[in-house]
C-alpha atoms as a PDB file:
ATOM      1  CA  MET A   1      -7.500  21.827 -14.684  1.00  0.00           C
ATOM      2  CA  LYS A   2      -5.155  19.201 -13.042  1.00  0.00           C
ATOM      3  CA  ARG A   3      -3.689  16.683 -15.149  1.00  0.00           C
ATOM      4  CA  ILE A   4      -4.913  13.166 -15.142  1.00  0.00           C
ATOM      5  CA  ALA A   5      -2.740  10.125 -15.336  1.00  0.00           C
ATOM      6  CA  VAL A   6      -4.293   6.627 -16.388  1.00  0.00           C
ATOM      7  CA  PHE A   7      -2.195   3.575 -16.029  1.00  0.00           C
ATOM      8  CA  PHE A   8      -2.930   0.773 -17.566  1.00  0.00           C
ATOM      9  CA  ASP A   9      -2.459  -2.828 -15.915  1.00  0.00           C
ATOM     10  CA  THR A  10      -0.996  -6.168 -17.498  1.00  0.00           C
ATOM     11  CA  ASN A  11      -4.397  -7.237 -17.742  1.00  0.00           C
ATOM     12  CA  VAL A  12      -6.068  -4.119 -20.139  1.00  0.00           C
ATOM     13  CA  ILE A  13      -2.896  -4.066 -22.764  1.00  0.00           C
ATOM     14  CA  GLU A  14      -3.165  -7.886 -23.725  1.00  0.00           C
ATOM     15  CA  SER A  15      -6.149  -9.448 -24.854  1.00  0.00           C
ATOM     16  CA  ARG A  16      -6.534 -13.390 -25.526  1.00  0.00           C
ATOM     17  CA  PHE A  17      -8.479 -15.276 -27.653  1.00  0.00           C
ATOM     18  CA  SER A  18     -10.512 -16.606 -24.908  1.00  0.00           C
ATOM     19  CA  HIS A  19     -11.161 -16.571 -21.254  1.00  0.00           C
ATOM     20  CA  GLU A  20      -8.678 -19.332 -20.895  1.00  0.00           C
ATOM     21  CA  LYS A  21      -5.667 -18.560 -19.119  1.00  0.00           C
ATOM     22  CA  HIS A  22      -3.179 -20.343 -21.723  1.00  0.00           C
ATOM     23  CA  GLU A  23      -5.076 -19.708 -25.041  1.00  0.00           C
ATOM     24  CA  PHE A  24      -3.755 -17.590 -27.880  1.00  0.00           C
ATOM     25  CA  LEU A  25      -2.316 -13.958 -27.117  1.00  0.00           C
ATOM     26  CA  PHE A  26      -1.752 -11.396 -30.601  1.00  0.00           C
ATOM     27  CA  HIS A  27       1.158 -11.698 -31.705  1.00  0.00           C
ATOM     28  CA  GLU A  28       1.310 -10.226 -34.831  1.00  0.00           C
ATOM     29  CA  GLU A  29       0.530  -6.651 -33.347  1.00  0.00           C
ATOM     30  CA  ILE A  30       0.073  -5.160 -29.943  1.00  0.00           C
ATOM     31  CA  LYS A  31      -3.571  -5.652 -29.566  1.00  0.00           C
ATOM     32  CA  PRO A  32      -5.040  -4.389 -26.036  1.00  0.00           C
ATOM     33  CA  ASN A  33      -8.407  -5.131 -24.892  1.00  0.00           C
ATOM     34  CA  SER A  34     -11.872  -3.394 -25.245  1.00  0.00           C
ATOM     35  CA  LEU A  35     -11.741  -1.716 -22.355  1.00  0.00           C
ATOM     36  CA  PHE A  36      -8.290   0.183 -23.453  1.00  0.00           C
ATOM     37  CA  TYR A  37     -10.352   2.060 -26.155  1.00  0.00           C
ATOM     38  CA  GLN A  38     -13.267   1.929 -24.421  1.00  0.00           C
ATOM     39  CA  ILE A  39     -10.681   4.404 -21.599  1.00  0.00           C
ATOM     40  CA  LYS A  40      -9.323   5.828 -24.761  1.00  0.00           C
ATOM     41  CA  ASN A  41     -12.693   6.911 -26.731  1.00  0.00           C
ATOM     42  CA  CYS A  42     -14.330   8.418 -23.441  1.00  0.00           C
ATOM     43  CA  ILE A  43     -11.089  10.978 -23.088  1.00  0.00           C
ATOM     44  CA  ARG A  44     -11.665  11.718 -26.364  1.00  0.00           C
ATOM     45  CA  ASP A  45     -14.976  12.424 -26.312  1.00  0.00           C
ATOM     46  CA  ASN A  46     -15.360  14.291 -22.975  1.00  0.00           C
ATOM     47  CA  GLY A  47     -12.766  16.320 -24.490  1.00  0.00           C
ATOM     48  CA  ILE A  48      -9.933  16.295 -22.537  1.00  0.00           C
ATOM     49  CA  VAL A  49      -7.305  14.762 -24.055  1.00  0.00           C
ATOM     50  CA  ASP A  50      -4.805  17.625 -23.849  1.00  0.00           C
ATOM     51  CA  ILE A  51      -4.951  17.144 -19.837  1.00  0.00           C
ATOM     52  CA  VAL A  52      -5.020  13.327 -20.019  1.00  0.00           C
ATOM     53  CA  ASP A  53      -1.402  11.206 -19.599  1.00  0.00           C
ATOM     54  CA  LEU A  54      -1.866   7.498 -20.802  1.00  0.00           C
ATOM     55  CA  CYS A  55       1.140   5.408 -18.794  1.00  0.00           C
ATOM     56  CA  ILE A  56       1.684   1.754 -18.696  1.00  0.00           C
ATOM     57  CA  PRO A  57       3.474   1.097 -15.101  1.00  0.00           C
ATOM     58  CA  ASP A  58       7.376  -0.383 -16.287  1.00  0.00           C
ATOM     59  CA  LEU A  59       6.496  -3.242 -14.219  1.00  0.00           C
ATOM     60  CA  SER A  60       3.484  -3.926 -16.348  1.00  0.00           C
ATOM     61  CA  TRP A  61       4.946  -3.742 -19.527  1.00  0.00           C
ATOM     62  CA  ARG A  62       8.036  -6.349 -18.475  1.00  0.00           C
ATOM     63  CA  GLU A  63       4.702  -8.708 -17.617  1.00  0.00           C
ATOM     64  CA  PHE A  64       3.269  -8.326 -20.599  1.00  0.00           C
ATOM     65  CA  LYS A  65       6.048  -9.468 -22.796  1.00  0.00           C
ATOM     66  CA  LEU A  66       6.557 -12.053 -20.618  1.00  0.00           C
ATOM     67  CA  HIS A  67       2.990 -13.346 -21.348  1.00  0.00           C
ATOM     68  CA  LEU A  68       3.925 -13.010 -25.460  1.00  0.00           C
ATOM     69  CA  LEU A  69       7.211 -15.379 -24.982  1.00  0.00           C
ATOM     70  CA  GLU A  70       5.727 -17.546 -22.591  1.00  0.00           C
ATOM     71  CA  ASN A  71       2.810 -17.589 -24.888  1.00  0.00           C
ATOM     72  CA  TYR A  72       5.046 -18.398 -27.930  1.00  0.00           C
ATOM     73  CA  ARG A  73       6.666 -21.419 -26.800  1.00  0.00           C
ATOM     74  CA  GLU A  74       3.634 -22.631 -25.634  1.00  0.00           C
ATOM     75  CA  ARG A  75       2.451 -22.292 -28.996  1.00  0.00           C
ATOM     76  CA  ARG A  76       5.446 -23.895 -30.766  1.00  0.00           C
ATOM     77  CA  ARG A  77       5.235 -26.433 -28.570  1.00  0.00           C
ATOM     78  CA  TYR A  78       1.452 -27.513 -29.302  1.00  0.00           C
ATOM     79  CA  ILE A  79       1.790 -27.358 -33.371  1.00  0.00           C
ATOM     80  CA  SER A  80       5.117 -29.768 -32.825  1.00  0.00           C
ATOM     81  CA  LEU A  81       3.820 -31.971 -31.015  1.00  0.00           C
ATOM     82  CA  GLN A  82      -0.037 -31.739 -32.839  1.00  0.00           C
ATOM     83  CA  LYS A  83       2.165 -32.747 -35.953  1.00  0.00           C
ATOM     84  CA  GLU A  84       4.070 -35.496 -33.706  1.00  0.00           C
ATOM     85  CA  LEU A  85       0.349 -37.248 -33.072  1.00  0.00           C
ATOM     86  CA  TYR A  86      -1.443 -36.775 -36.909  1.00  0.00           C
ATOM     87  CA  ARG A  87       2.043 -38.552 -38.180  1.00  0.00           C
ATOM     88  CA  LYS A  88       2.178 -41.262 -35.357  1.00  0.00           C
ATOM     89  CA  ALA A  89      -1.947 -41.719 -36.473  1.00  0.00           C
ATOM     90  CA  PHE A  90      -2.189 -41.109 -40.639  1.00  0.00           C
ATOM     91  CA  GLY A  91       1.626 -42.269 -41.544  1.00  0.00           C
ATOM     92  CA  SER A  92       3.274 -41.615 -44.991  1.00  0.00           C
ATOM     93  CA  THR A  93      -0.417 -40.330 -45.623  1.00  0.00           C
ATOM     94  CA  PHE A  94      -0.399 -37.432 -43.318  1.00  0.00           C
ATOM     95  CA  GLY A  95       2.009 -34.056 -44.599  1.00  0.00           C
ATOM     96  CA  ILE A  96       1.793 -30.424 -43.323  1.00  0.00           C
ATOM     97  CA  ASN A  97       3.809 -27.603 -44.058  1.00  0.00           C
ATOM     98  CA  TYR A  98       4.456 -24.427 -41.695  1.00  0.00           C
ATOM     99  CA  GLU A  99       7.248 -22.028 -41.133  1.00  0.00           C
ATOM    100  CA  PHE A 100       7.401 -19.001 -38.355  1.00  0.00           C
ATOM    101  CA  LYS A 101       8.592 -16.172 -38.886  1.00  0.00           C
ATOM    102  CA  HIS A 102      10.584 -15.806 -36.092  1.00  0.00           C
ATOM    103  CA  GLU A 103      12.638 -18.816 -35.744  1.00  0.00           C
ATOM    104  CA  THR A 104      14.496 -18.012 -32.430  1.00  0.00           C
ATOM    105  CA  GLU A 105      13.294 -16.409 -28.960  1.00  0.00           C
ATOM    106  CA  GLU A 106      15.978 -13.976 -30.071  1.00  0.00           C
ATOM    107  CA  GLN A 107      14.523 -13.034 -33.425  1.00  0.00           C
ATOM    108  CA  TYR A 108      10.610 -12.714 -31.496  1.00  0.00           C
ATOM    109  CA  LYS A 109      12.112 -10.437 -28.599  1.00  0.00           C
ATOM    110  CA  GLU A 110      12.819  -7.761 -31.877  1.00  0.00           C
ATOM    111  CA  HIS A 111       9.596  -8.644 -33.062  1.00  0.00           C
ATOM    112  CA  PHE A 112       8.087  -6.961 -29.869  1.00  0.00           C
ATOM    113  CA  GLU A 113      10.552  -4.428 -29.244  1.00  0.00           C
ATOM    114  CA  THR A 114       9.401  -2.680 -33.154  1.00  0.00           C
ATOM    115  CA  LEU A 115       5.831  -3.726 -31.820  1.00  0.00           C
ATOM    116  CA  ALA A 116       6.187  -2.099 -28.835  1.00  0.00           C
ATOM    117  CA  SER A 117       7.779   1.146 -29.927  1.00  0.00           C
ATOM    118  CA  GLU A 118       4.736   1.210 -32.978  1.00  0.00           C
ATOM    119  CA  PHE A 119       2.148   0.895 -30.159  1.00  0.00           C
ATOM    120  CA  LEU A 120       3.851   3.131 -27.655  1.00  0.00           C
ATOM    121  CA  SER A 121       4.243   5.778 -30.354  1.00  0.00           C
ATOM    122  CA  GLN A 122       0.467   5.791 -31.879  1.00  0.00           C
ATOM    123  CA  ASN A 123      -1.271   5.641 -28.865  1.00  0.00           C
ATOM    124  CA  LYS A 124       1.036   8.301 -27.267  1.00  0.00           C
ATOM    125  CA  CYS A 125       1.588   5.792 -23.809  1.00  0.00           C
ATOM    126  CA  LYS A 126       4.215   6.256 -22.052  1.00  0.00           C
ATOM    127  CA  LEU A 127       6.283   3.707 -19.438  1.00  0.00           C
ATOM    128  CA  VAL A 128       6.345   4.874 -16.090  1.00  0.00           C
ATOM    129  CA  SER A 129       9.906   3.088 -14.082  1.00  0.00           C
ATOM    130  CA  TYR A 130       9.503   2.335 -10.451  1.00  0.00           C
ATOM    131  CA  PRO A 131      11.911   4.316  -8.336  1.00  0.00           C
ATOM    132  CA  LYS A 132      15.104   2.524  -7.247  1.00  0.00           C
ATOM    133  CA  GLU A 133      16.000   4.209  -4.573  1.00  0.00           C
ATOM    134  CA  VAL A 134      16.699   1.944  -1.178  1.00  0.00           C
ATOM    135  CA  GLU A 135      13.575   4.017   0.741  1.00  0.00           C
ATOM    136  CA  PHE A 136      11.107   2.921  -1.755  1.00  0.00           C
ATOM    137  CA  PHE A 137      11.781  -0.749  -0.908  1.00  0.00           C
ATOM    138  CA  GLU A 138      11.846  -0.118   2.871  1.00  0.00           C
ATOM    139  CA  CYS A 139       8.521   0.976   2.654  1.00  0.00           C
ATOM    140  CA  LEU A 140       7.116  -1.736   0.345  1.00  0.00           C
ATOM    141  CA  VAL A 141       9.007  -4.000   3.289  1.00  0.00           C
ATOM    142  CA  GLU A 142       7.466  -2.128   5.860  1.00  0.00           C
ATOM    143  CA  LYS A 143       3.918  -3.035   4.313  1.00  0.00           C
ATOM    144  CA  CYS A 144       4.618  -6.651   3.558  1.00  0.00           C
ATOM    145  CA  LEU A 145       5.442  -7.175   7.212  1.00  0.00           C
ATOM    146  CA  ASN A 146       2.235  -4.921   8.274  1.00  0.00           C
ATOM    147  CA  LYS A 147       0.135  -7.358   5.219  1.00  0.00           C
ATOM    148  CA  GLN A 148      -1.363  -3.977   4.008  1.00  0.00           C
ATOM    149  CA  PRO A 149      -2.817  -4.778   1.017  1.00  0.00           C
ATOM    150  CA  PRO A 150      -2.088  -5.101  -1.752  1.00  0.00           C
ATOM    151  CA  PHE A 151       0.037  -7.788   0.116  1.00  0.00           C
ATOM    152  CA  GLN A 152      -2.006 -10.236   1.374  1.00  0.00           C
ATOM    153  CA  LEU A 153      -1.771 -12.872   3.831  1.00  0.00           C
ATOM    154  CA  ALA A 154      -1.251 -16.487   1.972  1.00  0.00           C
ATOM    155  CA  ARG A 155      -0.944 -19.918   2.821  1.00  0.00           C
ATOM    156  CA  ASN A 156       1.090 -22.995   1.403  1.00  0.00           C
ATOM    157  CA  ASN A 157       1.752 -26.450   3.308  1.00  0.00           C
ATOM    158  CA  ARG A 158       0.744 -25.153   6.077  1.00  0.00           C
ATOM    159  CA  LYS A 159       2.654 -22.087   6.654  1.00  0.00           C
ATOM    160  CA  GLU A 160       1.464 -18.236   6.229  1.00  0.00           C
ATOM    161  CA  TYR A 161       3.694 -15.287   4.471  1.00  0.00           C
ATOM    162  CA  SER A 162       2.268 -12.199   3.329  1.00  0.00           C
ATOM    163  CA  ASP A 163       4.489 -11.631   0.484  1.00  0.00           C
ATOM    164  CA  ALA A 164       2.238 -12.481  -1.847  1.00  0.00           C
ATOM    165  CA  GLY A 165       1.149  -9.586  -3.968  1.00  0.00           C
ATOM    166  CA  LEU A 166       4.632  -7.704  -4.448  1.00  0.00           C
ATOM    167  CA  LYS A 167       4.237  -6.529  -8.013  1.00  0.00           C
ATOM    168  CA  ASP A 168       0.840  -5.257  -7.465  1.00  0.00           C
ATOM    169  CA  ALA A 169       2.571  -3.327  -4.321  1.00  0.00           C
ATOM    170  CA  ILE A 170       5.335  -2.156  -6.445  1.00  0.00           C
ATOM    171  CA  ILE A 171       2.614  -0.898  -9.048  1.00  0.00           C
ATOM    172  CA  VAL A 172       0.513   0.923  -6.566  1.00  0.00           C
ATOM    173  CA  ASP A 173       3.500   2.799  -5.406  1.00  0.00           C
ATOM    174  CA  THR A 174       5.017   3.932  -7.790  1.00  0.00           C
ATOM    175  CA  ILE A 175       1.515   5.370  -9.498  1.00  0.00           C
ATOM    176  CA  ILE A 176       1.390   7.272  -5.877  1.00  0.00           C
ATOM    177  CA  ARG A 177       4.636   8.656  -6.102  1.00  0.00           C
ATOM    178  CA  TYR A 178       4.172   9.577  -9.621  1.00  0.00           C
ATOM    179  CA  ALA A 179       1.035  11.605  -8.571  1.00  0.00           C
ATOM    180  CA  SER A 180       3.142  13.452  -5.945  1.00  0.00           C
ATOM    181  CA  GLU A 181       6.249  14.440  -8.279  1.00  0.00           C
ATOM    182  CA  HIS A 182       3.819  15.482 -10.922  1.00  0.00           C
ATOM    183  CA  ASP A 183       0.866  17.201  -9.247  1.00  0.00           C
ATOM    184  CA  CYS A 184      -1.958  15.304 -10.968  1.00  0.00           C
ATOM    185  CA  PHE A 185      -5.140  12.942 -10.394  1.00  0.00           C
ATOM    186  CA  CYS A 186      -3.551   9.180 -11.008  1.00  0.00           C
ATOM    187  CA  ILE A 187      -6.058   6.435 -12.085  1.00  0.00           C
ATOM    188  CA  LEU A 188      -5.207   2.477 -12.344  1.00  0.00           C
ATOM    189  CA  ILE A 189      -7.899   1.158 -15.180  1.00  0.00           C
ATOM    190  CA  SER A 190      -7.299  -2.681 -14.189  1.00  0.00           C
ATOM    191  CA  ASN A 191      -9.300  -5.764 -13.941  1.00  0.00           C
ATOM    192  CA  ASP A 192      -7.236  -7.097 -11.314  1.00  0.00           C
ATOM    193  CA  TYR A 193      -9.497  -8.127  -8.049  1.00  0.00           C
ATOM    194  CA  ASP A 194      -6.208  -7.911  -5.802  1.00  0.00           C
ATOM    195  CA  PHE A 195      -6.928  -4.214  -6.004  1.00  0.00           C
ATOM    196  CA  ARG A 196     -10.187  -3.930  -4.621  1.00  0.00           C
ATOM    197  CA  ASP A 197      -8.879  -2.696  -0.860  1.00  0.00           C
ATOM    198  CA  ILE A 198      -6.645   0.219  -1.950  1.00  0.00           C
ATOM    199  CA  LYS A 199      -7.267   3.341  -0.637  1.00  0.00           C
ATOM    200  CA  ASP A 200      -4.435   5.493  -1.754  1.00  0.00           C
ATOM    201  CA  VAL A 201      -5.127   5.330  -5.801  1.00  0.00           C
ATOM    202  CA  ARG A 202      -8.277   5.009  -7.733  1.00  0.00           C
ATOM    203  CA  THR A 203      -8.679   2.083  -9.782  1.00  0.00           C
ATOM    204  CA  CYS A 204     -11.594   1.364 -11.719  1.00  0.00           C
ATOM    205  CA  LYS A 205     -12.623  -1.649 -13.641  1.00  0.00           C
ATOM    206  CA  THR A 206     -15.101  -0.681 -16.211  1.00  0.00           C
ATOM    207  CA  VAL A 207     -15.412   2.404 -18.396  1.00  0.00           C
ATOM    208  CA  ASP A 208     -18.358   3.834 -16.214  1.00  0.00           C
ATOM    209  CA  GLU A 209     -16.265   3.413 -13.180  1.00  0.00           C
ATOM    210  CA  PHE A 210     -14.021   6.347 -14.858  1.00  0.00           C
ATOM    211  CA  SER A 211     -16.578   8.233 -16.557  1.00  0.00           C
ATOM    212  CA  ALA A 212     -18.243   8.317 -12.561  1.00  0.00           C
ATOM    213  CA  PHE A 213     -14.762  10.014 -11.734  1.00  0.00           C
ATOM    214  CA  LEU A 214     -14.739  12.314 -14.257  1.00  0.00           C
ATOM    215  CA  GLU A 215     -17.660  13.755 -13.327  1.00  0.00           C
ATOM    216  CA  GLU A 216     -16.982  13.435  -9.552  1.00  0.00           C
ATOM    217  CA  GLN A 217     -13.876  16.049 -10.166  1.00  0.00           C
ATOM    218  CA  SER A 218     -15.808  18.082 -12.609  1.00  0.00           C
ATOM    219  CA  TYR A 219     -13.784  17.044 -16.118  1.00  0.00           C
ATOM    220  CA  VAL A 220     -17.477  15.986 -17.488  1.00  0.00           C
ATOM    221  CA  VAL A 221     -19.415  19.070 -17.190  1.00  0.00           C
ATOM    222  CA  ASN A 222     -23.360  19.298 -18.128  1.00  0.00           C
ATOM    223  CA  THR A 223     -26.837  19.963 -16.325  1.00  0.00           C
ATOM    224  CA  SER A 224     -27.114  16.585 -14.845  1.00  0.00           C
ATOM    225  CA  THR A 225     -23.427  16.697 -13.211  1.00  0.00           C
ATOM    226  CA  VAL A 226     -24.174  20.076 -12.253  1.00  0.00           C
ATOM    227  CA  GLN A 227     -27.286  19.080 -10.385  1.00  0.00           C
ATOM    228  CA  ASN A 228     -26.129  15.945  -8.503  1.00  0.00           C
ATOM    229  CA  LYS A 229     -22.885  18.447  -7.431  1.00  0.00           C
ATOM    230  CA  LEU A 230     -25.262  20.946  -6.084  1.00  0.00           C
ATOM    231  CA  GLU A 231     -27.380  18.306  -4.282  1.00  0.00           C
ATOM    232  CA  ASN A 232     -24.886  16.061  -2.610  1.00  0.00           C
ATOM    233  CA  ASP A 233     -21.424  18.217  -2.459  1.00  0.00           C
ATOM    234  CA  GLU A 234     -21.631  19.612   1.161  1.00  0.00           C
ATOM    235  CA  TYR A 235     -19.548  22.570   1.084  1.00  0.00           C
ATOM    236  CA  LEU A 236     -21.983  23.589  -1.508  1.00  0.00           C
ATOM    237  CA  LYS A 237     -25.095  23.083   0.339  1.00  0.00           C
ATOM    238  CA  ASP A 238     -23.478  24.365   3.356  1.00  0.00           C
ATOM    239  CA  THR A 239     -22.547  27.956   1.427  1.00  0.00           C
ATOM    240  CA  ILE A 240     -26.101  28.217  -0.255  1.00  0.00           C
ATOM    241  CA  ILE A 241     -27.980  27.977   3.220  1.00  0.00           C
ATOM    242  CA  THR A 242     -25.449  29.904   5.299  1.00  0.00           C
ATOM    243  CA  SER A 243     -26.243  32.899   2.636  1.00  0.00           C
ATOM    244  CA  THR A 244     -29.403  32.475   3.698  1.00  0.00           C
ATOM    245  CA  GLY A 245     -28.974  33.589   7.077  1.00  0.00           C
ATOM    246  CA  ASN A 246     -29.491  29.979   8.566  1.00  0.00           C
ATOM    247  CA  ILE A 247     -27.571  26.913   9.591  1.00  0.00           C
ATOM    248  CA  TYR A 248     -27.119  23.277   7.592  1.00  0.00           C
ATOM    249  CA  ASP A 249     -28.497  21.406  10.047  1.00  0.00           C
ATOM    250  CA  GLU A 250     -31.356  19.061  10.642  1.00  0.00           C
ATOM    251  CA  SER A 251     -33.429  22.081  10.476  1.00  0.00           C
ATOM    252  CA  VAL A 252     -32.924  22.034   6.334  1.00  0.00           C
ATOM    253  CA  THR A 253     -35.985  19.135   5.744  1.00  0.00           C
ATOM    254  CA  GLU A 254     -36.054  19.520   1.711  1.00  0.00           C
ATOM    255  CA  PHE A 255     -33.308  20.713  -0.445  1.00  0.00           C
ATOM    256  CA  TYR A 256     -33.827  20.238  -4.262  1.00  0.00           C
ATOM    257  CA  VAL A 257     -32.431  21.674  -8.236  1.00  0.00           C
ATOM    258  CA  VAL A 258     -35.888  23.094  -9.505  1.00  0.00           C
ATOM    259  CA  ASP A 259     -34.515  24.387 -13.009  1.00  0.00           C
ATOM    260  CA  ILE A 260     -30.825  24.883 -14.471  1.00  0.00           C
ATOM    261  CA  THR A 261     -29.416  27.026 -17.494  1.00  0.00           C
ATOM    262  CA  ASP A 262     -26.741  26.423 -19.253  1.00  0.00           C
ATOM    263  CA  GLU A 263     -24.719  30.071 -19.640  1.00  0.00           C
ATOM    264  CA  GLY A 264     -21.224  28.776 -20.937  1.00  0.00           C
ATOM    265  CA  SER A 265     -18.994  29.100 -18.698  1.00  0.00           C
ATOM    266  CA  TRP A 266     -21.377  29.140 -15.993  1.00  0.00           C
ATOM    267  CA  TYR A 267     -25.195  27.790 -15.132  1.00  0.00           C
ATOM    268  CA  VAL A 268     -27.462  29.945 -13.528  1.00  0.00           C
ATOM    269  CA  VAL A 269     -29.445  27.041 -10.782  1.00  0.00           C
ATOM    270  CA  ARG A 270     -32.164  27.510  -8.901  1.00  0.00           C
ATOM    271  CA  ILE A 271     -33.004  26.040  -5.934  1.00  0.00           C
ATOM    272  CA  ARG A 272     -35.910  25.340  -3.611  1.00  0.00           C
ATOM    273  CA  CYS A 273     -35.250  24.397   0.058  1.00  0.00           C
ATOM    274  CA  VAL A 274     -37.290  24.615   3.396  1.00  0.00           C
ATOM    275  CA  ILE A 275     -35.542  25.436   6.105  1.00  0.00           C
ATOM    276  CA  ASN A 276     -37.771  25.467   9.433  1.00  0.00           C
ATOM    277  CA  GLU A 277     -40.556  25.250   7.750  1.00  0.00           C
ATOM    278  CA  VAL A 278     -39.954  28.247   5.197  1.00  0.00           C
ATOM    279  CA  ILE A 279     -39.684  27.579   2.049  1.00  0.00           C
ATOM    280  CA  TYR A 280     -36.596  29.761   0.390  1.00  0.00           C
ATOM    281  CA  LEU A 281     -36.299  29.871  -3.416  1.00  0.00           C
ATOM    282  CA  ILE A 282     -32.878  30.615  -4.171  1.00  0.00           C
ATOM    283  CA  GLU A 283     -30.753  31.195  -7.706  1.00  0.00           C
ATOM    284  CA  CYS A 284     -27.392  31.684  -7.939  1.00  0.00           C
ATOM    285  CA  LYS A 285     -24.860  31.220 -10.298  1.00  0.00           C
ATOM    286  CA  TYR A 286     -22.665  27.922 -10.674  1.00  0.00           C
ATOM    287  CA  GLU A 287     -18.719  27.729 -11.898  1.00  0.00           C
ATOM    288  CA  PRO A 288     -17.836  23.989 -11.778  1.00  0.00           C
ATOM    289  CA  HIS A 289     -14.359  24.329 -12.790  1.00  0.00           C
ATOM    290  CA  SER A 290     -13.163  26.300  -9.585  1.00  0.00           C
ATOM    291  CA  ASN A 291     -16.614  24.222  -8.001  1.00  0.00           C
ATOM    292  CA  GLU A 292     -17.516  27.949  -6.825  1.00  0.00           C
ATOM    293  CA  LEU A 293     -20.848  29.959  -6.480  1.00  0.00           C
ATOM    294  CA  LEU A 294     -21.247  33.372  -6.983  1.00  0.00           C
ATOM    295  CA  ASP A 295     -24.499  35.662  -6.450  1.00  0.00           C
ATOM    296  CA  ILE A 296     -26.373  34.192  -4.792  1.00  0.00           C
ATOM    297  CA  THR A 297     -30.087  35.491  -4.337  1.00  0.00           C
ATOM    298  CA  TYR A 298     -33.025  34.002  -2.577  1.00  0.00           C
ATOM    299  CA  LYS A 299     -37.106  34.713  -1.537  1.00  0.00           C
ATOM    300  CA  LYS A 300     -38.972  33.481   0.629  1.00  0.00           C
ATOM    301  CA  GLU A 301     -41.980  32.000  -0.297  1.00  0.00           C
ATOM    302  CA  ASN A 302     -44.469  31.278   2.391  1.00  0.00           C
ATOM    303  CA  GLU A 303     -43.100  33.205   5.851  1.00  0.00           C
END
C-alpha cells in the first residue's frame, strides 16, 4: 500500500495550560496536545504503523521553539513583577525565594535541544525542511501575487496586501514537494483555520477526519467500509452493472448491499439492484487493497 506522511502543525505539537494565547506552555518536557496522541493511537489501532511516517515541517518546529522562548521570557518577567508588587505591598514582612534552573536564554536553548532530541526519538518523528531552490520561492511569489490560498488579502491602515500567510504557504508547498518526491499520501494535522481553502493538501482538524481519510483510501477495512465503498464508488458500481450487460445510468433505480462475508484477504458481497424494473441479485468478490472486483455472477429474480 502507498505510504502516508502525517505532518503536524505548530498548534498540534504545542499545548498550553489554557486556550489563552499567553498562558503557560509546558517547559519541563515537550508535551503535544491531545490531538497528536489521538492520531498516533489511530495509526496504531489500525495496524498501519509500518507504512506511516510522522513528520513536522521544520518551519513549524522553529515556530514552536520561538513560542517556548517567548513564553519563557514572559513567565520570568511576570514572576519578577509579581515579586516586586508583593514586596511593595507587604514591605519587610514579605519574603520569597525561587530559582530557574536555566538562568540564561542560552541555557534554556540548550535545554530545548535536549528535549527536542528526546521527543523526536521517542515519537519517531522527523523534521522536514522546506526546499531552498530559487524556483520554490518563485512559485510562492506567484501564488502571493495571485492571492492563492493560503495567501490572504489583508488590510492595514487602508492599504491592501496579499502576503499574509507566507509561513502557511511555505508549509503547504513543502508538503506538496514531499508527496511528489516520496510518492506518498500527505496529511496535514492542524487546527489552523487558514488552511481551510487548501485543495492540494488534505488537512484534518480531528481524529475523526483522519479516520475518514483512512477509510476512503482503504487503509481501514471492515464490512461497514466495504459496504460504503461499493454503494458509493462510481467505478465499482459501473463495473458491477456492466457485468450484467447493462449500462450504469438512470435505468438503475435501486442499488444496495444485502450481505457481506469476510473471507480474510477478500470479501464476498451480495448486492440487490433494480435495472429497467428487473431485479438483479449479484454476488462478487471484492479485494479492498487493489479496489478490484472478482468473480461477478448474477441472476434475475422477476424477469
